[in-house]
Amino acid sequence: MSKKIIGRIDKIDFPKLGLFDIDVKIDTGAYTSAIHCSEIIEENNSLKCIFNSDVHQNFGKVKIVFDTFSRTNVKSSNGFKENRYKVKSEVILFGKKYKINLTLSTRDDMRFPVLIGRQFLKKKFIVDVDLENVSFNLKGK
């Protein structure tokens, strides 16, 4: 399988989450991928999530309920460990649908609402830091 070349940032779709043209940072320093989630409520063996942001473009008030989820420890670049919820979803890059694991985190204070980590990138993509929006620029062509 040949690997696609992706840039350091892009705009991608998360169809199962109702989020489209979302700004993402391709982060080879991060193992797991993370997405901004403004509210998380665990009840009755389900996870109710609200993906909403006044800061990040294209984040309307989307409510999703996950029946399947887990928790994982995530270590940030400053060494701080955080236990986060992890969900499975789908992402569209270069017109192709891929499965992705996403940890949920409040990212309103970050420039990008989504980080795409090595776990997702491996065996599929090569990162060229000189490029931007490679997948998004091919969308609709």
N, C-alpha and C. Protein backbone atom coordinates (compact mmCIF):
# COMPACT_ATOMS: atom_id res chain seq x y z
N MET A 1 0.85 -1.19 0.00
CA MET A 1 0.00 0.00 0.00
C MET A 1 0.89 1.24 0.00
N SER A 2 0.66 2.13 -0.94
CA SER A 2 1.46 3.35 -1.00
C SER A 2 0.91 4.38 -0.02
N LYS A 3 1.82 5.16 0.54
CA LYS A 3 1.42 6.16 1.52
C LYS A 3 1.17 7.50 0.83
N LYS A 4 0.14 8.20 1.29
CA LYS A 4 -0.18 9.53 0.78
C LYS A 4 0.67 10.56 1.51
N ILE A 5 0.99 11.63 0.84
CA ILE A 5 1.72 12.73 1.48
C ILE A 5 0.71 13.75 1.99
N ILE A 6 0.83 14.05 3.27
CA ILE A 6 -0.06 15.01 3.93
C ILE A 6 0.80 16.14 4.50
N GLY A 7 0.22 17.31 4.58
CA GLY A 7 0.95 18.46 5.12
C GLY A 7 0.82 18.55 6.63
N ARG A 8 1.36 19.63 7.19
CA ARG A 8 1.36 19.79 8.65
C ARG A 8 0.00 20.22 9.21
N ILE A 9 -0.85 20.81 8.36
CA ILE A 9 -2.22 21.15 8.74
C ILE A 9 -3.14 20.81 7.57
N ASP A 10 -4.42 20.63 7.88
CA ASP A 10 -5.40 20.34 6.83
C ASP A 10 -6.79 20.66 7.36
N LYS A 11 -7.78 20.47 6.51
CA LYS A 11 -9.19 20.60 6.89
C LYS A 11 -9.84 19.30 6.48
N ILE A 12 -10.45 18.60 7.46
CA ILE A 12 -11.00 17.29 7.15
C ILE A 12 -12.41 17.13 7.72
N ASP A 13 -13.09 16.08 7.28
CA ASP A 13 -14.47 15.82 7.68
C ASP A 13 -14.56 14.65 8.66
N PHE A 14 -15.47 14.79 9.62
CA PHE A 14 -15.82 13.74 10.57
C PHE A 14 -17.33 13.50 10.39
N PRO A 15 -17.73 12.73 9.36
CA PRO A 15 -19.15 12.61 9.02
C PRO A 15 -20.03 12.06 10.14
N LYS A 16 -19.54 11.08 10.91
CA LYS A 16 -20.35 10.50 11.99
C LYS A 16 -20.55 11.50 13.14
N LEU A 17 -19.70 12.52 13.20
CA LEU A 17 -19.82 13.54 14.24
C LEU A 17 -20.53 14.79 13.72
N GLY A 18 -20.88 14.82 12.44
CA GLY A 18 -21.54 15.98 11.86
C GLY A 18 -20.63 17.19 11.78
N LEU A 19 -19.32 16.95 11.67
CA LEU A 19 -18.33 18.04 11.61
C LEU A 19 -17.60 17.99 10.27
N PHE A 20 -17.59 19.13 9.57
CA PHE A 20 -17.02 19.17 8.23
C PHE A 20 -16.08 20.36 8.08
N ASP A 21 -15.03 20.16 7.27
CA ASP A 21 -14.00 21.18 7.03
C ASP A 21 -13.40 21.68 8.35
N ILE A 22 -13.03 20.74 9.20
CA ILE A 22 -12.47 21.06 10.51
C ILE A 22 -10.96 21.21 10.41
N ASP A 23 -10.43 22.28 10.98
CA ASP A 23 -8.99 22.51 11.00
C ASP A 23 -8.31 21.46 11.88
N VAL A 24 -7.28 20.81 11.33
CA VAL A 24 -6.53 19.82 12.09
C VAL A 24 -5.04 20.09 11.97
N LYS A 25 -4.33 19.73 13.03
CA LYS A 25 -2.88 19.79 13.03
C LYS A 25 -2.37 18.36 12.99
N ILE A 26 -1.49 18.07 12.05
CA ILE A 26 -0.88 16.76 11.96
C ILE A 26 0.30 16.78 12.93
N ASP A 27 0.22 15.97 13.97
CA ASP A 27 1.17 16.05 15.08
C ASP A 27 1.90 14.73 15.26
N THR A 28 3.08 14.61 14.65
CA THR A 28 3.85 13.37 14.75
C THR A 28 4.45 13.19 16.15
N GLY A 29 4.37 14.21 16.98
CA GLY A 29 4.83 14.09 18.37
C GLY A 29 3.78 13.48 19.28
N ALA A 30 2.54 13.45 18.81
CA ALA A 30 1.44 12.89 19.61
C ALA A 30 1.17 11.46 19.16
N TYR A 31 0.95 10.56 20.11
CA TYR A 31 0.62 9.19 19.74
C TYR A 31 -0.86 9.08 19.36
N THR A 32 -1.75 9.57 20.22
CA THR A 32 -3.18 9.48 19.95
C THR A 32 -3.70 10.76 19.32
N SER A 33 -4.81 10.65 18.64
CA SER A 33 -5.49 11.80 18.06
C SER A 33 -6.47 12.35 19.08
N ALA A 34 -6.69 13.65 19.05
CA ALA A 34 -7.59 14.29 20.02
C ALA A 34 -8.52 15.26 19.30
N ILE A 35 -9.75 15.37 19.81
CA ILE A 35 -10.73 16.29 19.24
C ILE A 35 -11.34 17.12 20.36
N HIS A 36 -11.67 18.36 20.03
CA HIS A 36 -12.31 19.25 21.00
C HIS A 36 -13.73 18.77 21.29
N CYS A 37 -14.03 18.68 22.56
CA CYS A 37 -15.37 18.33 23.00
C CYS A 37 -15.70 19.25 24.18
N SER A 38 -16.75 20.04 24.04
CA SER A 38 -17.04 21.06 25.05
C SER A 38 -17.75 20.52 26.29
N GLU A 39 -18.48 19.39 26.13
CA GLU A 39 -19.20 18.84 27.27
C GLU A 39 -19.29 17.33 27.13
N ILE A 40 -18.99 16.62 28.24
CA ILE A 40 -19.03 15.16 28.26
C ILE A 40 -19.81 14.72 29.49
N ILE A 41 -20.83 13.90 29.27
CA ILE A 41 -21.63 13.37 30.38
C ILE A 41 -21.72 11.86 30.22
N GLU A 42 -21.24 11.13 31.24
CA GLU A 42 -21.35 9.68 31.23
C GLU A 42 -22.53 9.28 32.10
N GLU A 43 -23.52 8.61 31.48
CA GLU A 43 -24.67 8.12 32.23
C GLU A 43 -25.32 6.96 31.49
N ASN A 44 -25.85 6.03 32.25
CA ASN A 44 -26.54 4.85 31.70
C ASN A 44 -25.70 4.12 30.65
N ASN A 45 -24.43 3.91 30.95
CA ASN A 45 -23.50 3.19 30.06
C ASN A 45 -23.35 3.82 28.69
N SER A 46 -23.57 5.12 28.61
CA SER A 46 -23.33 5.83 27.35
C SER A 46 -22.62 7.14 27.65
N LEU A 47 -22.05 7.71 26.62
CA LEU A 47 -21.30 8.95 26.73
C LEU A 47 -21.98 10.00 25.86
N LYS A 48 -22.52 11.03 26.49
CA LYS A 48 -23.18 12.11 25.75
C LYS A 48 -22.17 13.24 25.58
N CYS A 49 -21.92 13.59 24.33
CA CYS A 49 -20.89 14.59 24.02
C CYS A 49 -21.49 15.74 23.22
N ILE A 50 -21.04 16.93 23.55
CA ILE A 50 -21.42 18.11 22.77
C ILE A 50 -20.15 18.68 22.16
N PHE A 51 -20.15 18.72 20.84
CA PHE A 51 -19.04 19.30 20.08
C PHE A 51 -19.47 20.71 19.70
N ASN A 52 -19.01 21.69 20.46
CA ASN A 52 -19.42 23.07 20.27
C ASN A 52 -18.24 23.99 20.57
N SER A 53 -18.12 25.07 19.83
CA SER A 53 -17.04 26.02 20.11
C SER A 53 -17.38 27.38 19.51
N ASP A 54 -17.12 28.41 20.30
CA ASP A 54 -17.23 29.77 19.79
C ASP A 54 -15.92 30.20 19.14
N VAL A 55 -14.87 29.43 19.37
CA VAL A 55 -13.52 29.78 18.89
C VAL A 55 -13.19 29.08 17.58
N HIS A 56 -13.52 27.78 17.48
CA HIS A 56 -13.12 27.00 16.32
C HIS A 56 -14.18 27.02 15.23
N GLN A 57 -13.73 27.29 14.02
CA GLN A 57 -14.60 27.38 12.85
C GLN A 57 -15.25 26.03 12.56
N ASN A 58 -16.51 26.05 12.17
CA ASN A 58 -17.30 24.89 11.77
C ASN A 58 -17.65 23.94 12.92
N PHE A 59 -17.48 24.38 14.15
CA PHE A 59 -17.92 23.62 15.30
C PHE A 59 -19.24 24.22 15.77
N GLY A 60 -20.34 23.72 15.21
CA GLY A 60 -21.65 24.16 15.68
C GLY A 60 -21.98 23.36 16.93
N LYS A 61 -23.18 23.42 17.39
CA LYS A 61 -23.57 22.67 18.58
C LYS A 61 -24.08 21.31 18.15
N VAL A 62 -23.17 20.34 18.06
CA VAL A 62 -23.49 18.99 17.64
C VAL A 62 -23.49 18.09 18.87
N LYS A 63 -24.59 17.34 19.05
CA LYS A 63 -24.69 16.40 20.18
C LYS A 63 -24.62 14.98 19.63
N ILE A 64 -23.74 14.18 20.22
CA ILE A 64 -23.56 12.79 19.81
C ILE A 64 -23.58 11.91 21.06
N VAL A 65 -24.20 10.74 20.96
CA VAL A 65 -24.19 9.77 22.05
C VAL A 65 -23.39 8.56 21.58
N PHE A 66 -22.39 8.19 22.36
CA PHE A 66 -21.57 7.01 22.08
C PHE A 66 -21.97 5.90 23.03
N ASP A 67 -22.32 4.74 22.47
CA ASP A 67 -22.63 3.58 23.30
C ASP A 67 -21.37 2.80 23.63
N THR A 68 -20.35 2.97 22.81
CA THR A 68 -19.08 2.30 23.02
C THR A 68 -18.01 3.36 23.21
N PHE A 69 -17.28 3.26 24.32
CA PHE A 69 -16.20 4.19 24.62
C PHE A 69 -15.28 3.55 25.64
N SER A 70 -14.13 4.14 25.82
CA SER A 70 -13.19 3.66 26.83
C SER A 70 -12.47 4.87 27.43
N ARG A 71 -11.54 4.58 28.32
CA ARG A 71 -10.72 5.64 28.90
C ARG A 71 -9.27 5.28 28.66
N THR A 72 -8.43 6.30 28.51
CA THR A 72 -7.01 6.07 28.29
C THR A 72 -6.20 7.20 28.93
N ASN A 73 -4.99 6.89 29.32
CA ASN A 73 -4.09 7.92 29.86
C ASN A 73 -3.33 8.56 28.71
N VAL A 74 -3.32 9.88 28.70
CA VAL A 74 -2.62 10.65 27.67
C VAL A 74 -1.60 11.53 28.36
N LYS A 75 -0.35 11.47 27.86
CA LYS A 75 0.70 12.31 28.44
C LYS A 75 0.97 13.47 27.48
N SER A 76 0.84 14.69 27.97
CA SER A 76 1.05 15.87 27.14
C SER A 76 2.54 16.13 26.96
N SER A 77 2.87 17.05 26.09
CA SER A 77 4.27 17.37 25.81
C SER A 77 5.00 17.93 27.03
N ASN A 78 4.25 18.48 27.98
CA ASN A 78 4.90 19.00 29.20
C ASN A 78 5.00 17.93 30.29
N GLY A 79 4.60 16.69 29.97
CA GLY A 79 4.74 15.58 30.90
C GLY A 79 3.54 15.33 31.79
N PHE A 80 2.51 16.17 31.70
CA PHE A 80 1.31 16.03 32.52
C PHE A 80 0.46 14.88 31.97
N LYS A 81 0.04 13.96 32.86
CA LYS A 81 -0.82 12.84 32.45
C LYS A 81 -2.27 13.16 32.75
N GLU A 82 -3.13 12.81 31.79
CA GLU A 82 -4.56 13.05 31.92
C GLU A 82 -5.31 11.80 31.48
N ASN A 83 -6.33 11.41 32.23
CA ASN A 83 -7.17 10.29 31.85
C ASN A 83 -8.34 10.83 31.04
N ARG A 84 -8.44 10.40 29.77
CA ARG A 84 -9.46 10.93 28.86
C ARG A 84 -10.37 9.82 28.34
N TYR A 85 -11.55 10.23 27.93
CA TYR A 85 -12.44 9.33 27.21
C TYR A 85 -11.89 9.15 25.80
N LYS A 86 -12.08 7.93 25.27
CA LYS A 86 -11.66 7.64 23.90
C LYS A 86 -12.84 7.03 23.16
N VAL A 87 -13.09 7.53 21.95
CA VAL A 87 -14.19 7.03 21.13
C VAL A 87 -13.66 6.66 19.75
N LYS A 88 -14.44 5.85 19.05
CA LYS A 88 -14.10 5.47 17.67
C LYS A 88 -15.03 6.24 16.74
N SER A 89 -14.45 6.71 15.64
CA SER A 89 -15.25 7.44 14.66
C SER A 89 -14.65 7.23 13.28
N GLU A 90 -15.03 8.10 12.36
CA GLU A 90 -14.50 8.04 10.99
C GLU A 90 -14.05 9.42 10.57
N VAL A 91 -13.07 9.45 9.68
CA VAL A 91 -12.54 10.70 9.15
C VAL A 91 -12.39 10.51 7.64
N ILE A 92 -12.57 11.59 6.90
CA ILE A 92 -12.38 11.52 5.45
C ILE A 92 -11.18 12.37 5.06
N LEU A 93 -10.21 11.70 4.45
CA LEU A 93 -9.00 12.35 3.94
C LEU A 93 -8.78 11.87 2.52
N PHE A 94 -8.47 12.77 1.60
CA PHE A 94 -8.22 12.45 0.21
C PHE A 94 -9.40 11.65 -0.39
N GLY A 95 -10.62 11.98 0.06
CA GLY A 95 -11.81 11.34 -0.46
C GLY A 95 -12.04 9.92 0.03
N LYS A 96 -11.21 9.46 0.97
CA LYS A 96 -11.34 8.09 1.48
C LYS A 96 -11.71 8.13 2.96
N LYS A 97 -12.57 7.20 3.36
CA LYS A 97 -13.02 7.11 4.74
C LYS A 97 -12.09 6.19 5.53
N TYR A 98 -11.64 6.67 6.69
CA TYR A 98 -10.77 5.89 7.57
C TYR A 98 -11.39 5.83 8.96
N LYS A 99 -11.13 4.73 9.67
CA LYS A 99 -11.51 4.64 11.08
C LYS A 99 -10.45 5.36 11.90
N ILE A 100 -10.89 6.00 12.98
CA ILE A 100 -9.96 6.74 13.83
C ILE A 100 -10.40 6.65 15.29
N ASN A 101 -9.41 6.53 16.18
CA ASN A 101 -9.64 6.63 17.62
C ASN A 101 -9.37 8.07 18.02
N LEU A 102 -10.28 8.65 18.78
CA LEU A 102 -10.15 10.05 19.20
C LEU A 102 -10.29 10.15 20.71
N THR A 103 -9.36 10.85 21.35
CA THR A 103 -9.56 11.18 22.75
C THR A 103 -10.30 12.51 22.80
N LEU A 104 -11.12 12.68 23.83
CA LEU A 104 -11.94 13.89 23.96
C LEU A 104 -11.29 14.84 24.95
N SER A 105 -11.16 16.10 24.54
CA SER A 105 -10.49 17.09 25.37
C SER A 105 -11.05 18.47 25.05
N THR A 106 -11.04 19.35 26.04
CA THR A 106 -11.43 20.74 25.79
C THR A 106 -10.24 21.45 25.16
N ARG A 107 -10.41 21.93 23.93
CA ARG A 107 -9.30 22.54 23.19
C ARG A 107 -9.61 23.97 22.75
N ASP A 108 -10.55 24.64 23.43
CA ASP A 108 -10.87 26.03 23.06
C ASP A 108 -9.66 26.95 23.18
N ASP A 109 -8.74 26.63 24.07
CA ASP A 109 -7.57 27.48 24.25
C ASP A 109 -6.42 27.11 23.31
N MET A 110 -6.65 26.11 22.44
CA MET A 110 -5.65 25.68 21.47
C MET A 110 -6.00 26.22 20.08
N ARG A 111 -4.99 26.37 19.25
CA ARG A 111 -5.21 26.91 17.91
C ARG A 111 -6.03 25.95 17.03
N PHE A 112 -5.78 24.64 17.20
CA PHE A 112 -6.47 23.64 16.38
C PHE A 112 -7.40 22.80 17.25
N PRO A 113 -8.64 22.58 16.80
CA PRO A 113 -9.57 21.78 17.58
C PRO A 113 -9.28 20.27 17.52
N VAL A 114 -8.44 19.87 16.56
CA VAL A 114 -8.13 18.45 16.38
C VAL A 114 -6.63 18.27 16.16
N LEU A 115 -6.08 17.27 16.84
CA LEU A 115 -4.71 16.80 16.58
C LEU A 115 -4.81 15.41 15.99
N ILE A 116 -4.08 15.17 14.93
CA ILE A 116 -4.01 13.83 14.34
C ILE A 116 -2.64 13.26 14.70
N GLY A 117 -2.65 12.16 15.46
CA GLY A 117 -1.41 11.58 15.97
C GLY A 117 -0.89 10.40 15.17
N ARG A 118 0.26 9.89 15.64
CA ARG A 118 0.97 8.81 14.95
C ARG A 118 0.15 7.53 14.82
N GLN A 119 -0.65 7.21 15.83
CA GLN A 119 -1.44 5.98 15.80
C GLN A 119 -2.30 5.93 14.52
N PHE A 120 -2.87 7.07 14.14
CA PHE A 120 -3.68 7.13 12.92
C PHE A 120 -2.81 7.22 11.67
N LEU A 121 -1.73 7.98 11.72
CA LEU A 121 -0.90 8.24 10.55
C LEU A 121 -0.11 7.04 10.05
N LYS A 122 0.29 6.15 10.97
CA LYS A 122 1.21 5.07 10.59
C LYS A 122 0.63 4.17 9.51
N LYS A 123 1.50 3.81 8.60
CA LYS A 123 1.21 2.92 7.46
C LYS A 123 0.27 3.54 6.43
N LYS A 124 -0.14 4.81 6.62
CA LYS A 124 -1.05 5.44 5.67
C LYS A 124 -0.51 6.74 5.07
N PHE A 125 0.25 7.50 5.88
CA PHE A 125 0.65 8.85 5.46
C PHE A 125 2.11 9.15 5.75
N ILE A 126 2.67 10.02 4.92
CA ILE A 126 3.98 10.62 5.15
C ILE A 126 3.72 12.11 5.31
N VAL A 127 4.33 12.73 6.33
CA VAL A 127 4.09 14.14 6.61
C VAL A 127 5.20 14.99 5.99
N ASP A 128 4.79 15.95 5.16
CA ASP A 128 5.70 16.95 4.60
C ASP A 128 5.35 18.28 5.26
N VAL A 129 6.21 18.77 6.15
CA VAL A 129 5.90 19.97 6.92
C VAL A 129 5.86 21.24 6.08
N ASP A 130 6.30 21.18 4.83
CA ASP A 130 6.22 22.35 3.95
C ASP A 130 4.84 22.50 3.32
N LEU A 131 3.99 21.49 3.45
CA LEU A 131 2.68 21.50 2.80
C LEU A 131 1.56 21.80 3.78
N GLU A 132 0.45 22.35 3.24
CA GLU A 132 -0.75 22.63 4.03
C GLU A 132 -1.98 22.32 3.19
N ASN A 133 -3.02 21.80 3.84
CA ASN A 133 -4.34 21.59 3.23
C ASN A 133 -4.32 20.75 1.96
N VAL A 134 -3.46 19.74 1.90
CA VAL A 134 -3.33 18.91 0.71
C VAL A 134 -4.64 18.17 0.41
N SER A 135 -5.21 17.51 1.42
CA SER A 135 -6.46 16.78 1.22
C SER A 135 -7.60 17.74 0.91
N PHE A 136 -7.70 18.84 1.67
CA PHE A 136 -8.77 19.81 1.48
C PHE A 136 -8.74 20.41 0.08
N ASN A 137 -7.54 20.72 -0.43
CA ASN A 137 -7.42 21.32 -1.76
C ASN A 137 -7.83 20.36 -2.88
N LEU A 138 -7.80 19.06 -2.61
CA LEU A 138 -8.23 18.07 -3.61
C LEU A 138 -9.74 17.79 -3.51
N LYS A 139 -10.36 18.25 -2.44
CA LYS A 139 -11.79 18.00 -2.21
C LYS A 139 -12.61 18.68 -3.30
N GLY A 140 -13.51 17.93 -3.87
CA GLY A 140 -14.40 18.50 -4.88
C GLY A 140 -13.82 18.54 -6.27
N LYS A 141 -12.58 18.05 -6.43
CA LYS A 141 -11.98 18.02 -7.77
C LYS A 141 -12.32 16.74 -8.48
